[in-house]
C-alpha atoms as a PDB file:
ATOM      1  CA  MET A   1      68.314 -49.548 111.596  1.00  0.00           C
ATOM      2  CA  LYS A   2      71.800 -49.669 110.111  1.00  0.00           C
ATOM      3  CA  THR A   3      72.078 -49.396 106.287  1.00  0.00           C
ATOM      4  CA  PRO A   4      73.602 -52.556 104.779  1.00  0.00           C
ATOM      5  CA  GLU A   5      77.161 -52.227 103.550  1.00  0.00           C
ATOM      6  CA  SER A   6      76.215 -53.463 100.041  1.00  0.00           C
ATOM      7  CA  VAL A   7      73.675 -50.606  99.697  1.00  0.00           C
ATOM      8  CA  LEU A   8      76.272 -48.048 100.835  1.00  0.00           C
ATOM      9  CA  LYS A   9      78.762 -49.421  98.293  1.00  0.00           C
ATOM     10  CA  LYS A  10      76.154 -49.254  95.527  1.00  0.00           C
ATOM     11  CA  GLN A  11      75.244 -45.652  96.425  1.00  0.00           C
ATOM     12  CA  ALA A  12      78.925 -44.639  96.455  1.00  0.00           C
ATOM     13  CA  THR A  13      79.479 -46.270  93.043  1.00  0.00           C
ATOM     14  CA  GLN A  14      76.399 -44.576  91.569  1.00  0.00           C
ATOM     15  CA  ALA A  15      77.491 -41.187  92.957  1.00  0.00           C
ATOM     16  CA  LYS A  16      80.957 -41.696  91.436  1.00  0.00           C
ATOM     17  CA  ILE A  17      79.475 -42.616  88.032  1.00  0.00           C
ATOM     18  CA  ALA A  18      77.115 -39.593  88.152  1.00  0.00           C
ATOM     19  CA  ALA A  19      80.008 -37.246  88.991  1.00  0.00           C
ATOM     20  CA  ALA A  20      82.172 -38.647  86.153  1.00  0.00           C
ATOM     21  CA  SER A  21      79.236 -38.377  83.746  1.00  0.00           C
ATOM     22  CA  LYS A  22      78.653 -34.727  84.721  1.00  0.00           C
ATOM     23  CA  VAL A  23      82.339 -33.861  84.212  1.00  0.00           C
ATOM     24  CA  ALA A  24      82.298 -35.553  80.774  1.00  0.00           C
ATOM     25  CA  SER A  25      79.035 -33.798  79.857  1.00  0.00           C
ATOM     26  CA  ASP A  26      80.393 -30.365  80.880  1.00  0.00           C
ATOM     27  CA  ALA A  27      83.608 -30.982  78.921  1.00  0.00           C
ATOM     28  CA  SER A  28      81.575 -32.063  75.871  1.00  0.00           C
ATOM     29  CA  GLU A  29      79.388 -28.927  76.055  1.00  0.00           C
ATOM     30  CA  ALA A  30      82.464 -26.694  76.360  1.00  0.00           C
ATOM     31  CA  LYS A  31      84.117 -28.428  73.359  1.00  0.00           C
ATOM     32  CA  LYS A  32      80.920 -28.055  71.288  1.00  0.00           C
ATOM     33  CA  ALA A  33      80.757 -24.314  72.036  1.00  0.00           C
ATOM     34  CA  SER A  34      84.455 -23.733  71.191  1.00  0.00           C
ATOM     35  CA  ASP A  35      84.186 -25.895  68.048  1.00  0.00           C
ATOM     36  CA  LEU A  36      81.100 -23.988  66.865  1.00  0.00           C
ATOM     37  CA  ALA A  37      82.920 -20.660  67.213  1.00  0.00           C
ATOM     38  CA  LEU A  38      85.945 -22.078  65.327  1.00  0.00           C
ATOM     39  CA  PHE A  39      83.796 -23.557  62.534  1.00  0.00           C
ATOM     40  CA  GLU A  40      81.910 -20.261  62.056  1.00  0.00           C
ATOM     41  CA  THR A  41      85.232 -18.361  61.884  1.00  0.00           C
ATOM     42  CA  ASN A  42      86.599 -20.853  59.314  1.00  0.00           C
ATOM     43  CA  ALA A  43      83.440 -20.656  57.172  1.00  0.00           C
ATOM     44  CA  ALA A  44      83.567 -16.829  57.170  1.00  0.00           C
ATOM     45  CA  LYS A  45      87.302 -16.889  56.274  1.00  0.00           C
ATOM     46  CA  TYR A  46      86.747 -19.295  53.338  1.00  0.00           C
ATOM     47  CA  ALA A  47      83.791 -17.204  52.068  1.00  0.00           C
ATOM     48  CA  GLU A  48      85.957 -14.043  52.161  1.00  0.00           C
ATOM     49  CA  GLU A  49      88.812 -15.790  50.312  1.00  0.00           C
ATOM     50  CA  PHE A  50      86.425 -17.056  47.617  1.00  0.00           C
ATOM     51  CA  ALA A  51      84.790 -13.602  47.208  1.00  0.00           C
ATOM     52  CA  ALA A  52      88.239 -11.965  46.952  1.00  0.00           C
ATOM     53  CA  ALA A  53      89.345 -14.492  44.285  1.00  0.00           C
ATOM     54  CA  GLU A  54      86.127 -13.887  42.283  1.00  0.00           C
ATOM     55  CA  ALA A  55      86.557 -10.094  42.520  1.00  0.00           C
ATOM     56  CA  GLU A  56      90.189 -10.392  41.387  1.00  0.00           C
ATOM     57  CA  ALA A  57      89.182 -12.490  38.359  1.00  0.00           C
ATOM     58  CA  VAL A  58      86.526  -9.909  37.377  1.00  0.00           C
ATOM     59  CA  ALA A  59      89.051  -7.046  37.782  1.00  0.00           C
ATOM     60  CA  ASN A  60      91.606  -8.919  35.637  1.00  0.00           C
ATOM     61  CA  ARG A  61      89.019  -9.506  32.900  1.00  0.00           C
ATOM     62  CA  ARG A  62      88.035  -5.832  32.864  1.00  0.00           C
ATOM     63  CA  ALA A  63      91.663  -4.663  32.820  1.00  0.00           C
ATOM     64  CA  ALA A  64      92.475  -7.015  29.929  1.00  0.00           C
ATOM     65  CA  LYS A  65      89.420  -5.818  27.971  1.00  0.00           C
ATOM     66  CA  ALA A  66      90.329  -2.165  28.577  1.00  0.00           C
ATOM     67  CA  ASN A  67      93.846  -2.816  27.238  1.00  0.00           C
ATOM     68  CA  GLY A  68      92.463  -4.598  24.174  1.00  0.00           C
ATOM     69  CA  GLY A  69      93.667  -8.018  25.303  1.00  0.00           C
ATOM     70  CA  PHE A  70      92.234 -11.215  26.776  1.00  0.00           C
ATOM     71  CA  PHE A  71      92.403 -12.575  30.305  1.00  0.00           C
ATOM     72  CA  VAL A  72      93.157 -16.312  30.412  1.00  0.00           C
ATOM     73  CA  PRO A  73      92.134 -17.826  33.781  1.00  0.00           C
ATOM     74  CA  ALA A  74      94.107 -20.646  35.399  1.00  0.00           C
ATOM     75  CA  GLU A  75      93.417 -24.203  34.224  1.00  0.00           C
ATOM     76  CA  PRO A  76      90.730 -25.925  36.349  1.00  0.00           C
ATOM     77  CA  LYS A  77      92.130 -28.350  38.922  1.00  0.00           C
ATOM     78  CA  LEU A  78      88.873 -30.080  39.880  1.00  0.00           C
ATOM     79  CA  CYS A  79      86.463 -32.133  37.816  1.00  0.00           C
ATOM     80  CA  LEU A  80      83.108 -33.733  38.668  1.00  0.00           C
ATOM     81  CA  VAL A  81      82.465 -37.010  36.821  1.00  0.00           C
ATOM     82  CA  ILE A  82      78.956 -38.527  36.553  1.00  0.00           C
ATOM     83  CA  ARG A  83      78.330 -41.993  35.118  1.00  0.00           C
ATOM     84  CA  ILE A  84      75.364 -41.924  32.716  1.00  0.00           C
ATOM     85  CA  ARG A  85      75.438 -45.432  31.211  1.00  0.00           C
ATOM     86  CA  GLY A  86      75.114 -48.918  32.645  1.00  0.00           C
ATOM     87  CA  ILE A  87      77.369 -51.965  32.283  1.00  0.00           C
ATOM     88  CA  ILE A  88      76.284 -53.331  28.892  1.00  0.00           C
ATOM     89  CA  GLY A  89      78.976 -53.126  26.213  1.00  0.00           C
ATOM     90  CA  VAL A  90      81.644 -51.555  28.404  1.00  0.00           C
ATOM     91  CA  SER A  91      85.182 -52.514  27.364  1.00  0.00           C
ATOM     92  CA  PRO A  92      87.451 -54.036  30.053  1.00  0.00           C
ATOM     93  CA  LYS A  93      89.795 -51.030  29.992  1.00  0.00           C
ATOM     94  CA  ALA A  94      86.945 -48.516  30.425  1.00  0.00           C
ATOM     95  CA  LYS A  95      85.448 -50.699  33.178  1.00  0.00           C
ATOM     96  CA  LYS A  96      88.788 -50.653  35.033  1.00  0.00           C
ATOM     97  CA  VAL A  97      89.066 -46.860  34.753  1.00  0.00           C
ATOM     98  CA  MET A  98      85.522 -46.428  36.096  1.00  0.00           C
ATOM     99  CA  GLN A  99      86.390 -48.715  39.014  1.00  0.00           C
ATOM    100  CA  LEU A 100      89.435 -46.533  39.753  1.00  0.00           C
ATOM    101  CA  PHE A 101      87.180 -43.461  39.712  1.00  0.00           C
ATOM    102  CA  ARG A 102      84.708 -45.377  41.972  1.00  0.00           C
ATOM    103  CA  LEU A 103      81.892 -45.059  39.408  1.00  0.00           C
ATOM    104  CA  ARG A 104      80.423 -48.528  39.883  1.00  0.00           C
ATOM    105  CA  GLN A 105      76.742 -47.651  39.369  1.00  0.00           C
ATOM    106  CA  ILE A 106      74.758 -45.505  36.952  1.00  0.00           C
ATOM    107  CA  HIS A 107      74.284 -41.884  38.189  1.00  0.00           C
ATOM    108  CA  ASN A 108      77.219 -42.186  40.600  1.00  0.00           C
ATOM    109  CA  ALA A 109      79.337 -39.027  40.805  1.00  0.00           C
ATOM    110  CA  THR A 110      82.852 -38.413  42.153  1.00  0.00           C
ATOM    111  CA  PHE A 111      85.393 -35.595  42.260  1.00  0.00           C
ATOM    112  CA  VAL A 112      88.615 -36.074  40.290  1.00  0.00           C
ATOM    113  CA  LYS A 113      91.843 -34.067  40.496  1.00  0.00           C
ATOM    114  CA  LEU A 114      92.809 -33.029  36.974  1.00  0.00           C
ATOM    115  CA  ASN A 115      96.291 -33.844  35.709  1.00  0.00           C
ATOM    116  CA  GLU A 116      97.710 -35.385  32.534  1.00  0.00           C
ATOM    117  CA  ALA A 117      97.005 -38.973  33.659  1.00  0.00           C
ATOM    118  CA  THR A 118      93.390 -38.383  34.787  1.00  0.00           C
ATOM    119  CA  ILE A 119      92.591 -36.379  31.613  1.00  0.00           C
ATOM    120  CA  ARG A 120      93.749 -39.369  29.514  1.00  0.00           C
ATOM    121  CA  MET A 121      91.639 -41.717  31.637  1.00  0.00           C
ATOM    122  CA  LEU A 122      88.585 -39.463  31.229  1.00  0.00           C
ATOM    123  CA  ARG A 123      89.017 -39.564  27.433  1.00  0.00           C
ATOM    124  CA  LEU A 124      88.919 -43.370  27.596  1.00  0.00           C
ATOM    125  CA  ILE A 125      85.553 -43.444  29.366  1.00  0.00           C
ATOM    126  CA  GLU A 126      83.921 -40.465  27.610  1.00  0.00           C
ATOM    127  CA  PRO A 127      81.068 -42.515  26.033  1.00  0.00           C
ATOM    128  CA  TYR A 128      79.914 -43.720  29.474  1.00  0.00           C
ATOM    129  CA  VAL A 129      80.269 -40.559  31.589  1.00  0.00           C
ATOM    130  CA  THR A 130      79.784 -36.813  31.504  1.00  0.00           C
ATOM    131  CA  TYR A 131      82.124 -34.451  33.317  1.00  0.00           C
ATOM    132  CA  GLY A 132      82.858 -30.783  33.863  1.00  0.00           C
ATOM    133  CA  TYR A 133      84.093 -28.150  36.272  1.00  0.00           C
ATOM    134  CA  PRO A 134      81.896 -27.694  39.373  1.00  0.00           C
ATOM    135  CA  THR A 135      81.450 -24.319  41.066  1.00  0.00           C
ATOM    136  CA  ARG A 136      81.960 -23.906  44.804  1.00  0.00           C
ATOM    137  CA  ALA A 137      78.145 -23.804  45.229  1.00  0.00           C
ATOM    138  CA  THR A 138      77.803 -27.175  43.440  1.00  0.00           C
ATOM    139  CA  VAL A 139      80.494 -28.792  45.622  1.00  0.00           C
ATOM    140  CA  GLN A 140      78.740 -27.398  48.711  1.00  0.00           C
ATOM    141  CA  LYS A 141      75.278 -28.656  47.650  1.00  0.00           C
ATOM    142  CA  LEU A 142      76.575 -32.145  46.831  1.00  0.00           C
ATOM    143  CA  ILE A 143      78.287 -32.508  50.224  1.00  0.00           C
ATOM    144  CA  TYR A 144      75.399 -30.963  52.203  1.00  0.00           C
ATOM    145  CA  LYS A 145      72.555 -32.757  50.387  1.00  0.00           C
ATOM    146  CA  ARG A 146      74.092 -36.060  49.219  1.00  0.00           C
ATOM    147  CA  GLY A 147      77.219 -36.315  51.358  1.00  0.00           C
ATOM    148  CA  PHE A 148      78.080 -39.655  52.977  1.00  0.00           C
ATOM    149  CA  GLY A 149      81.375 -40.377  54.717  1.00  0.00           C
ATOM    150  CA  LYS A 150      83.360 -43.599  55.040  1.00  0.00           C
ATOM    151  CA  LEU A 151      83.860 -44.539  58.706  1.00  0.00           C
ATOM    152  CA  ASN A 152      85.123 -48.062  59.542  1.00  0.00           C
ATOM    153  CA  LYS A 153      84.251 -49.066  55.948  1.00  0.00           C
ATOM    154  CA  GLN A 154      80.629 -48.050  56.561  1.00  0.00           C
ATOM    155  CA  ARG A 155      78.540 -45.467  54.665  1.00  0.00           C
ATOM    156  CA  ILE A 156      77.591 -42.832  57.269  1.00  0.00           C
ATOM    157  CA  PRO A 157      75.484 -39.743  56.369  1.00  0.00           C
ATOM    158  CA  ILE A 158      77.271 -36.432  57.007  1.00  0.00           C
ATOM    159  CA  SER A 159      74.522 -35.100  59.266  1.00  0.00           C
ATOM    160  CA  GLU A 160      76.905 -33.348  61.678  1.00  0.00           C
ATOM    161  CA  ASN A 161      80.483 -32.101  61.827  1.00  0.00           C
ATOM    162  CA  ALA A 162      81.397 -34.888  64.282  1.00  0.00           C
ATOM    163  CA  VAL A 163      81.275 -37.400  61.373  1.00  0.00           C
ATOM    164  CA  ILE A 164      83.832 -35.357  59.393  1.00  0.00           C
ATOM    165  CA  GLU A 165      86.029 -34.861  62.474  1.00  0.00           C
ATOM    166  CA  ALA A 166      85.986 -38.604  63.233  1.00  0.00           C
ATOM    167  CA  GLY A 167      87.056 -39.454  59.666  1.00  0.00           C
ATOM    168  CA  LEU A 168      89.483 -36.638  58.842  1.00  0.00           C
ATOM    169  CA  GLY A 169      90.228 -34.702  62.058  1.00  0.00           C
ATOM    170  CA  GLU A 170      93.463 -36.460  63.023  1.00  0.00           C
ATOM    171  CA  SER A 171      94.807 -37.433  59.599  1.00  0.00           C
ATOM    172  CA  ALA A 172      94.026 -34.253  57.624  1.00  0.00           C
ATOM    173  CA  GLY A 173      92.993 -31.574  60.144  1.00  0.00           C
ATOM    174  CA  ILE A 174      89.553 -31.272  58.477  1.00  0.00           C
ATOM    175  CA  LYS A 175      86.940 -30.870  61.206  1.00  0.00           C
ATOM    176  CA  CYS A 176      83.808 -29.345  59.671  1.00  0.00           C
ATOM    177  CA  ALA A 177      81.805 -29.158  56.434  1.00  0.00           C
ATOM    178  CA  ALA A 178      83.332 -25.763  55.525  1.00  0.00           C
ATOM    179  CA  ASP A 179      86.857 -27.253  55.808  1.00  0.00           C
ATOM    180  CA  LEU A 180      85.827 -30.216  53.632  1.00  0.00           C
ATOM    181  CA  VAL A 181      84.215 -28.036  50.919  1.00  0.00           C
ATOM    182  CA  ASN A 182      87.276 -25.758  50.871  1.00  0.00           C
ATOM    183  CA  GLU A 183      89.721 -28.692  50.641  1.00  0.00           C
ATOM    184  CA  ILE A 184      87.795 -30.323  47.779  1.00  0.00           C
ATOM    185  CA  TYR A 185      87.108 -27.129  45.776  1.00  0.00           C
ATOM    186  CA  ASN A 186      90.672 -25.771  46.054  1.00  0.00           C
ATOM    187  CA  VAL A 187      92.241 -29.262  45.598  1.00  0.00           C
ATOM    188  CA  GLY A 188      94.318 -28.750  48.745  1.00  0.00           C
ATOM    189  CA  PRO A 189      97.221 -30.884  50.036  1.00  0.00           C
ATOM    190  CA  ASN A 190      94.793 -33.316  51.722  1.00  0.00           C
ATOM    191  CA  PHE A 191      92.470 -33.627  48.696  1.00  0.00           C
ATOM    192  CA  LYS A 192      93.117 -37.360  48.292  1.00  0.00           C
ATOM    193  CA  LYS A 193      92.206 -38.142  51.918  1.00  0.00           C
ATOM    194  CA  ALA A 194      89.136 -35.879  51.800  1.00  0.00           C
ATOM    195  CA  ASN A 195      87.937 -37.361  48.493  1.00  0.00           C
ATOM    196  CA  ASN A 196      88.464 -40.954  49.682  1.00  0.00           C
ATOM    197  CA  PHE A 197      86.510 -40.150  52.851  1.00  0.00           C
ATOM    198  CA  LEU A 198      83.533 -39.056  50.713  1.00  0.00           C
ATOM    199  CA  TRP A 199      81.420 -41.962  49.480  1.00  0.00           C
ATOM    200  CA  PRO A 200      80.551 -41.659  45.735  1.00  0.00           C
ATOM    201  CA  PHE A 201      77.438 -39.468  45.423  1.00  0.00           C
ATOM    202  CA  LYS A 202      74.276 -41.303  44.399  1.00  0.00           C
ATOM    203  CA  LEU A 203      72.248 -38.915  42.237  1.00  0.00           C
ATOM    204  CA  ASN A 204      68.747 -39.198  40.778  1.00  0.00           C
ATOM    205  CA  SER A 205      68.109 -39.467  37.065  1.00  0.00           C
ATOM    206  CA  PRO A 206      67.783 -35.857  35.834  1.00  0.00           C
ATOM    207  CA  LEU A 207      64.468 -34.038  35.872  1.00  0.00           C
ATOM    208  CA  GLY A 208      62.885 -34.909  32.520  1.00  0.00           C
ATOM    209  CA  GLY A 209      65.388 -37.751  31.967  1.00  0.00           C
ATOM    210  CA  PHE A 210      68.020 -38.253  29.276  1.00  0.00           C
ATOM    211  CA  SER A 211      66.788 -38.557  25.700  1.00  0.00           C
ATOM    212  CA  SER A 212      67.384 -42.086  24.350  1.00  0.00           C
ATOM    213  CA  LYS A 213      68.275 -40.521  20.960  1.00  0.00           C
ATOM    214  CA  THR A 214      70.972 -38.195  22.297  1.00  0.00           C
ATOM    215  CA  LYS A 215      72.312 -40.110  25.308  1.00  0.00           C
ATOM    216  CA  LEU A 216      74.962 -41.921  23.263  1.00  0.00           C
ATOM    217  CA  LEU A 217      76.152 -38.790  21.441  1.00  0.00           C
ATOM    218  CA  HIS A 218      78.893 -36.465  22.671  1.00  0.00           C
ATOM    219  CA  PHE A 219      77.796 -33.237  24.373  1.00  0.00           C
ATOM    220  CA  MET A 220      79.340 -31.199  21.534  1.00  0.00           C
ATOM    221  CA  GLU A 221      77.074 -33.056  19.065  1.00  0.00           C
ATOM    222  CA  GLY A 222      73.967 -32.266  21.093  1.00  0.00           C
ATOM    223  CA  GLY A 223      74.199 -35.401  23.250  1.00  0.00           C
ATOM    224  CA  GLU A 224      74.886 -36.064  26.919  1.00  0.00           C
ATOM    225  CA  ALA A 225      78.269 -37.856  27.143  1.00  0.00           C
ATOM    226  CA  GLY A 226      81.745 -36.388  27.434  1.00  0.00           C
ATOM    227  CA  ALA A 227      83.109 -33.036  28.605  1.00  0.00           C
ATOM    228  CA  ARG A 228      80.565 -30.275  29.181  1.00  0.00           C
ATOM    229  CA  GLY A 229      82.652 -27.691  31.071  1.00  0.00           C
ATOM    230  CA  GLU A 230      80.630 -25.325  33.274  1.00  0.00           C
ATOM    231  CA  GLU A 231      77.343 -26.861  32.039  1.00  0.00           C
ATOM    232  CA  ILE A 232      77.847 -29.736  34.529  1.00  0.00           C
ATOM    233  CA  ASN A 233      76.434 -27.440  37.238  1.00  0.00           C
ATOM    234  CA  LYS A 234      73.036 -27.246  35.486  1.00  0.00           C
ATOM    235  CA  LEU A 235      72.941 -31.050  35.170  1.00  0.00           C
ATOM    236  CA  VAL A 236      73.787 -31.546  38.871  1.00  0.00           C
ATOM    237  CA  LYS A 237      70.971 -29.139  39.797  1.00  0.00           C
ATOM    238  CA  LYS A 238      68.535 -31.391  37.877  1.00  0.00           C
ATOM    239  CA  MET A 239      69.899 -34.573  39.500  1.00  0.00           C
ATOM    240  CA  LEU A 240      69.990 -33.519  43.174  1.00  0.00           C
END
């Protein structure tokens, strides 16, 4: 019995689709393997650069001490800002600044590039936020544990490097988590794009909570608000 022409056409179409699918699958597997090798190389390179910078800072400190002087490190370029108060009693100017920093909810956190303008803005909102200088480990933990990206105006969890590549691959050349951490921590040329891609981090209230007596005081007075320098890393650890 002769096979109907419609069946033959269907079989030919299915075979064509299967062949195209296999080619696409093979290409995808090959790209994944090459990308993985590239990402591992990048991560190792960034780790070496960071270790070398740390070692150089230690050597400079020791040399300065041996010569009876002081070593003054470079001014920090990156700041992590965490909102610790709600919306009651916030002045319009402070509210506007917090909107610009994307701190719309309590316990939201964002990275800010430090310059004269942003330092002035931070002083304006000091009673409502706490801020300091994050370490590379803190930046890494925030992105790995609480990182969400903005794709098509949607909040997408950064569960794989493909999310980062889709958002920043073409525009900024950032393709993996190691690239993103490095760009944010070193405040690279594409910092603005990388920071805008990251959705504001939503943190928990800290382990043990804020004291109602000290929450409104400045950090230097034993409270929680305002600049806290390196101590921000301990607070982030409690809030992750």
